[in-house]
Amino acid sequence: MLVLTRRAGESIMIDDDIELKVLKIRGSQVHIGIDAPRSAAVHRKEVWLRIHGEPKAAESK
């Protein structure tokens, strides 16, 4: 995992066409803006897991 430190107003670029921008930080909440092509699917991880089917946690124990 790549870990980067950014302040409010700073961005991270993914490839040539996806920008993640830290909009503001308030306490433990970080507000992130995502500028990506319409063809790129963008979901919160918990939504993505529901869409793709959550892995069975019981099998890994």
PDB file of N, CA and C in Angstrom:
ATOM      1  N   MET A   1       0.854  -1.177   0.000  1.00  0.00           N
ATOM      2  CA  MET A   1       0.000   0.000   0.000  1.00  0.00           C
ATOM      3  C   MET A   1       0.896   1.236   0.000  1.00  0.00           C
ATOM      4  N   LEU A   2       0.600   2.141  -0.872  1.00  0.00           N
ATOM      5  CA  LEU A   2       1.295   3.420  -0.918  1.00  0.00           C
ATOM      6  C   LEU A   2       0.586   4.384   0.027  1.00  0.00           C
ATOM      7  N   VAL A   3       1.314   5.020   0.918  1.00  0.00           N
ATOM      8  CA  VAL A   3       0.742   5.974   1.862  1.00  0.00           C
ATOM      9  C   VAL A   3       1.290   7.353   1.532  1.00  0.00           C
ATOM     10  N   LEU A   4       0.396   8.310   1.300  1.00  0.00           N
ATOM     11  CA  LEU A   4       0.778   9.680   0.975  1.00  0.00           C
ATOM     12  C   LEU A   4       0.166  10.630   1.986  1.00  0.00           C
ATOM     13  N   THR A   5       0.865  11.695   2.289  1.00  0.00           N
ATOM     14  CA  THR A   5       0.346  12.720   3.190  1.00  0.00           C
ATOM     15  C   THR A   5      -0.042  13.931   2.355  1.00  0.00           C
ATOM     16  N   ARG A   6      -1.251  14.434   2.555  1.00  0.00           N
ATOM     17  CA  ARG A   6      -1.758  15.601   1.833  1.00  0.00           C
ATOM     18  C   ARG A   6      -2.430  16.529   2.822  1.00  0.00           C
ATOM     19  N   ARG A   7      -2.398  17.806   2.544  1.00  0.00           N
ATOM     20  CA  ARG A   7      -3.114  18.802   3.338  1.00  0.00           C
ATOM     21  C   ARG A   7      -4.344  19.248   2.562  1.00  0.00           C
ATOM     22  N   ALA A   8      -5.236  19.946   3.228  1.00  0.00           N
ATOM     23  CA  ALA A   8      -6.424  20.476   2.556  1.00  0.00           C
ATOM     24  C   ALA A   8      -5.987  21.323   1.362  1.00  0.00           C
ATOM     25  N   GLY A   9      -6.633  21.092   0.227  1.00  0.00           N
ATOM     26  CA  GLY A   9      -6.318  21.815  -1.000  1.00  0.00           C
ATOM     27  C   GLY A   9      -5.315  21.093  -1.887  1.00  0.00           C
ATOM     28  N   GLU A  10      -4.664  20.055  -1.375  1.00  0.00           N
ATOM     29  CA  GLU A  10      -3.685  19.315  -2.166  1.00  0.00           C
ATOM     30  C   GLU A  10      -4.339  18.095  -2.813  1.00  0.00           C
ATOM     31  N   SER A  11      -3.727  17.621  -3.898  1.00  0.00           N
ATOM     32  CA  SER A  11      -4.318  16.544  -4.691  1.00  0.00           C
ATOM     33  C   SER A  11      -3.360  15.380  -4.887  1.00  0.00           C
ATOM     34  N   ILE A  12      -3.940  14.278  -5.333  1.00  0.00           N
ATOM     35  CA  ILE A  12      -3.213  13.086  -5.768  1.00  0.00           C
ATOM     36  C   ILE A  12      -3.756  12.739  -7.147  1.00  0.00           C
ATOM     37  N   MET A  13      -2.885  12.454  -8.093  1.00  0.00           N
ATOM     38  CA  MET A  13      -3.302  12.065  -9.439  1.00  0.00           C
ATOM     39  C   MET A  13      -3.150  10.554  -9.602  1.00  0.00           C
ATOM     40  N   ILE A  14      -4.149   9.924 -10.218  1.00  0.00           N
ATOM     41  CA  ILE A  14      -4.103   8.513 -10.566  1.00  0.00           C
ATOM     42  C   ILE A  14      -4.195   8.448 -12.079  1.00  0.00           C
ATOM     43  N   ASP A  15      -3.185   7.871 -12.695  1.00  0.00           N
ATOM     44  CA  ASP A  15      -3.038   7.909 -14.148  1.00  0.00           C
ATOM     45  C   ASP A  15      -3.100   9.366 -14.599  1.00  0.00           C
ATOM     46  N   ASP A  16      -3.645   9.610 -15.782  1.00  0.00           N
ATOM     47  CA  ASP A  16      -3.686  10.969 -16.312  1.00  0.00           C
ATOM     48  C   ASP A  16      -5.032  11.647 -16.110  1.00  0.00           C
ATOM     49  N   ASP A  17      -6.038  10.893 -15.635  1.00  0.00           N
ATOM     50  CA  ASP A  17      -7.379  11.458 -15.674  1.00  0.00           C
ATOM     51  C   ASP A  17      -8.199  11.336 -14.397  1.00  0.00           C
ATOM     52  N   ILE A  18      -7.597  10.892 -13.300  1.00  0.00           N
ATOM     53  CA  ILE A  18      -8.330  10.805 -12.030  1.00  0.00           C
ATOM     54  C   ILE A  18      -7.575  11.627 -10.985  1.00  0.00           C
ATOM     55  N   GLU A  19      -8.279  12.606 -10.410  1.00  0.00           N
ATOM     56  CA  GLU A  19      -7.695  13.456  -9.381  1.00  0.00           C
ATOM     57  C   GLU A  19      -8.464  13.286  -8.081  1.00  0.00           C
ATOM     58  N   LEU A  20      -7.743  13.011  -7.001  1.00  0.00           N
ATOM     59  CA  LEU A  20      -8.322  12.955  -5.660  1.00  0.00           C
ATOM     60  C   LEU A  20      -7.835  14.200  -4.931  1.00  0.00           C
ATOM     61  N   LYS A  21      -8.763  15.025  -4.457  1.00  0.00           N
ATOM     62  CA  LYS A  21      -8.387  16.272  -3.805  1.00  0.00           C
ATOM     63  C   LYS A  21      -8.924  16.301  -2.380  1.00  0.00           C
ATOM     64  N   VAL A  22      -8.053  16.612  -1.433  1.00  0.00           N
ATOM     65  CA  VAL A  22      -8.471  16.778  -0.043  1.00  0.00           C
ATOM     66  C   VAL A  22      -9.130  18.148   0.050  1.00  0.00           C
ATOM     67  N   LEU A  23     -10.443  18.171   0.291  1.00  0.00           N
ATOM     68  CA  LEU A  23     -11.183  19.421   0.336  1.00  0.00           C
ATOM     69  C   LEU A  23     -11.076  20.088   1.702  1.00  0.00           C
ATOM     70  N   LYS A  24     -11.311  19.300   2.757  1.00  0.00           N
ATOM     71  CA  LYS A  24     -11.165  19.840   4.111  1.00  0.00           C
ATOM     72  C   LYS A  24     -11.000  18.698   5.094  1.00  0.00           C
ATOM     73  N   ILE A  25     -10.432  19.031   6.226  1.00  0.00           N
ATOM     74  CA  ILE A  25     -10.234  18.073   7.307  1.00  0.00           C
ATOM     75  C   ILE A  25     -10.871  18.684   8.547  1.00  0.00           C
ATOM     76  N   ARG A  26     -11.807  17.949   9.135  1.00  0.00           N
ATOM     77  CA  ARG A  26     -12.491  18.425  10.341  1.00  0.00           C
ATOM     78  C   ARG A  26     -12.485  17.300  11.356  1.00  0.00           C
ATOM     79  N   GLY A  27     -11.628  17.435  12.360  1.00  0.00           N
ATOM     80  CA  GLY A  27     -11.506  16.377  13.365  1.00  0.00           C
ATOM     81  C   GLY A  27     -11.002  15.103  12.710  1.00  0.00           C
ATOM     82  N   SER A  28     -11.757  14.013  12.843  1.00  0.00           N
ATOM     83  CA  SER A  28     -11.358  12.741  12.248  1.00  0.00           C
ATOM     84  C   SER A  28     -11.973  12.523  10.867  1.00  0.00           C
ATOM     85  N   GLN A  29     -12.713  13.505  10.349  1.00  0.00           N
ATOM     86  CA  GLN A  29     -13.319  13.386   9.022  1.00  0.00           C
ATOM     87  C   GLN A  29     -12.476  14.085   7.971  1.00  0.00           C
ATOM     88  N   VAL A  30     -12.309  13.409   6.851  1.00  0.00           N
ATOM     89  CA  VAL A  30     -11.596  13.974   5.715  1.00  0.00           C
ATOM     90  C   VAL A  30     -12.583  14.037   4.559  1.00  0.00           C
ATOM     91  N   HIS A  31     -12.751  15.208   3.971  1.00  0.00           N
ATOM     92  CA  HIS A  31     -13.649  15.386   2.825  1.00  0.00           C
ATOM     93  C   HIS A  31     -12.798  15.337   1.565  1.00  0.00           C
ATOM     94  N   ILE A  32     -13.127  14.393   0.676  1.00  0.00           N
ATOM     95  CA  ILE A  32     -12.330  14.168  -0.529  1.00  0.00           C
ATOM     96  C   ILE A  32     -13.207  14.415  -1.752  1.00  0.00           C
ATOM     97  N   GLY A  33     -12.665  15.160  -2.713  1.00  0.00           N
ATOM     98  CA  GLY A  33     -13.321  15.353  -3.995  1.00  0.00           C
ATOM     99  C   GLY A  33     -12.653  14.453  -5.020  1.00  0.00           C
ATOM    100  N   ILE A  34     -13.457  13.870  -5.915  1.00  0.00           N
ATOM    101  CA  ILE A  34     -12.932  12.966  -6.934  1.00  0.00           C
ATOM    102  C   ILE A  34     -13.337  13.499  -8.292  1.00  0.00           C
ATOM    103  N   ASP A  35     -12.359  13.770  -9.130  1.00  0.00           N
ATOM    104  CA  ASP A  35     -12.612  14.189 -10.500  1.00  0.00           C
ATOM    105  C   ASP A  35     -12.153  13.052 -11.400  1.00  0.00           C
ATOM    106  N   ALA A  36     -13.118  12.363 -12.004  1.00  0.00           N
ATOM    107  CA  ALA A  36     -12.808  11.185 -12.819  1.00  0.00           C
ATOM    108  C   ALA A  36     -13.735  11.158 -14.030  1.00  0.00           C
ATOM    109  N   PRO A  37     -13.323  10.466 -15.087  1.00  0.00           N
ATOM    110  CA  PRO A  37     -14.207  10.334 -16.245  1.00  0.00           C
ATOM    111  C   PRO A  37     -15.501   9.614 -15.866  1.00  0.00           C
ATOM    112  N   ARG A  38     -16.575   9.924 -16.578  1.00  0.00           N
ATOM    113  CA  ARG A  38     -17.858   9.262 -16.285  1.00  0.00           C
ATOM    114  C   ARG A  38     -17.771   7.751 -16.439  1.00  0.00           C
ATOM    115  N   SER A  39     -16.846   7.269 -17.240  1.00  0.00           N
ATOM    116  CA  SER A  39     -16.714   5.824 -17.456  1.00  0.00           C
ATOM    117  C   SER A  39     -16.093   5.111 -16.254  1.00  0.00           C
ATOM    118  N   ALA A  40     -15.500   5.853 -15.330  1.00  0.00           N
ATOM    119  CA  ALA A  40     -14.879   5.253 -14.146  1.00  0.00           C
ATOM    120  C   ALA A  40     -15.924   5.103 -13.041  1.00  0.00           C
ATOM    121  N   ALA A  41     -16.086   3.890 -12.553  1.00  0.00           N
ATOM    122  CA  ALA A  41     -17.018   3.645 -11.448  1.00  0.00           C
ATOM    123  C   ALA A  41     -16.344   4.062 -10.143  1.00  0.00           C
ATOM    124  N   VAL A  42     -17.027   4.909  -9.371  1.00  0.00           N
ATOM    125  CA  VAL A  42     -16.487   5.374  -8.091  1.00  0.00           C
ATOM    126  C   VAL A  42     -17.514   5.058  -7.008  1.00  0.00           C
ATOM    127  N   HIS A  43     -17.127   4.241  -6.026  1.00  0.00           N
ATOM    128  CA  HIS A  43     -18.025   3.827  -4.939  1.00  0.00           C
ATOM    129  C   HIS A  43     -17.268   3.854  -3.622  1.00  0.00           C
ATOM    130  N   ARG A  44     -17.998   4.071  -2.524  1.00  0.00           N
ATOM    131  CA  ARG A  44     -17.424   3.803  -1.206  1.00  0.00           C
ATOM    132  C   ARG A  44     -17.185   2.295  -1.130  1.00  0.00           C
ATOM    133  N   LYS A  45     -16.193   1.873  -0.356  1.00  0.00           N
ATOM    134  CA  LYS A  45     -15.838   0.451  -0.334  1.00  0.00           C
ATOM    135  C   LYS A  45     -16.999  -0.431   0.118  1.00  0.00           C
ATOM    136  N   GLU A  46     -17.764   0.014   1.127  1.00  0.00           N
ATOM    137  CA  GLU A  46     -18.870  -0.835   1.602  1.00  0.00           C
ATOM    138  C   GLU A  46     -19.931  -1.022   0.517  1.00  0.00           C
ATOM    139  N   VAL A  47     -20.135  -0.038  -0.338  1.00  0.00           N
ATOM    140  CA  VAL A  47     -21.072  -0.174  -1.463  1.00  0.00           C
ATOM    141  C   VAL A  47     -20.474  -1.108  -2.511  1.00  0.00           C
ATOM    142  N   TRP A  48     -19.193  -0.933  -2.810  1.00  0.00           N
ATOM    143  CA  TRP A  48     -18.517  -1.785  -3.784  1.00  0.00           C
ATOM    144  C   TRP A  48     -18.596  -3.250  -3.371  1.00  0.00           C
ATOM    145  N   LEU A  49     -18.398  -3.525  -2.065  1.00  0.00           N
ATOM    146  CA  LEU A  49     -18.476  -4.901  -1.573  1.00  0.00           C
ATOM    147  C   LEU A  49     -19.876  -5.479  -1.759  1.00  0.00           C
ATOM    148  N   ARG A  50     -20.916  -4.668  -1.531  1.00  0.00           N
ATOM    149  CA  ARG A  50     -22.283  -5.148  -1.746  1.00  0.00           C
ATOM    150  C   ARG A  50     -22.526  -5.453  -3.221  1.00  0.00           C
ATOM    151  N   ILE A  51     -22.027  -4.598  -4.094  1.00  0.00           N
ATOM    152  CA  ILE A  51     -22.207  -4.794  -5.534  1.00  0.00           C
ATOM    153  C   ILE A  51     -21.508  -6.068  -5.994  1.00  0.00           C
ATOM    154  N   HIS A  52     -20.298  -6.309  -5.515  1.00  0.00           N
ATOM    155  CA  HIS A  52     -19.477  -7.428  -5.975  1.00  0.00           C
ATOM    156  C   HIS A  52     -19.599  -8.664  -5.093  1.00  0.00           C
ATOM    157  N   GLY A  53     -20.376  -8.585  -4.051  1.00  0.00           N
ATOM    158  CA  GLY A  53     -20.533  -9.720  -3.148  1.00  0.00           C
ATOM    159  C   GLY A  53     -19.410  -9.770  -2.130  1.00  0.00           C
ATOM    160  N   GLU A  54     -19.753  -9.596  -0.867  1.00  0.00           N
ATOM    161  CA  GLU A  54     -18.736  -9.589   0.187  1.00  0.00           C
ATOM    162  C   GLU A  54     -18.129 -10.981   0.326  1.00  0.00           C
ATOM    163  N   PRO A  55     -16.805 -11.037   0.526  1.00  0.00           N
ATOM    164  CA  PRO A  55     -16.177 -12.338   0.735  1.00  0.00           C
ATOM    165  C   PRO A  55     -16.696 -12.969   2.024  1.00  0.00           C
ATOM    166  N   LYS A  56     -16.766 -14.264   2.030  1.00  0.00           N
ATOM    167  CA  LYS A  56     -17.286 -14.981   3.198  1.00  0.00           C
ATOM    168  C   LYS A  56     -16.219 -15.004   4.281  1.00  0.00           C
ATOM    169  N   ALA A  57     -16.409 -14.216   5.317  1.00  0.00           N
ATOM    170  CA  ALA A  57     -15.423 -14.104   6.405  1.00  0.00           C
ATOM    171  C   ALA A  57     -15.249 -15.428   7.143  1.00  0.00           C
ATOM    172  N   ALA A  58     -16.304 -16.224   7.219  1.00  0.00           N
ATOM    173  CA  ALA A  58     -16.250 -17.481   7.959  1.00  0.00           C
ATOM    174  C   ALA A  58     -15.274 -18.464   7.305  1.00  0.00           C
ATOM    175  N   GLU A  59     -15.116 -18.392   5.983  1.00  0.00           N
ATOM    176  CA  GLU A  59     -14.235 -19.313   5.283  1.00  0.00           C
ATOM    177  C   GLU A  59     -12.756 -19.060   5.608  1.00  0.00           C
ATOM    178  N   SER A  60     -12.423 -17.801   5.910  1.00  0.00           N
ATOM    179  CA  SER A  60     -11.019 -17.483   6.159  1.00  0.00           C
ATOM    180  C   SER A  60     -10.597 -17.761   7.602  1.00  0.00           C
ATOM    181  N   LYS A  61     -11.533 -18.110   8.479  1.00  0.00           N
ATOM    182  CA  LYS A  61     -11.202 -18.366   9.882  1.00  0.00           C
ATOM    183  C   LYS A  61     -10.948 -19.837  10.130  1.00  0.00           C
TER     184      LYS A  61
END
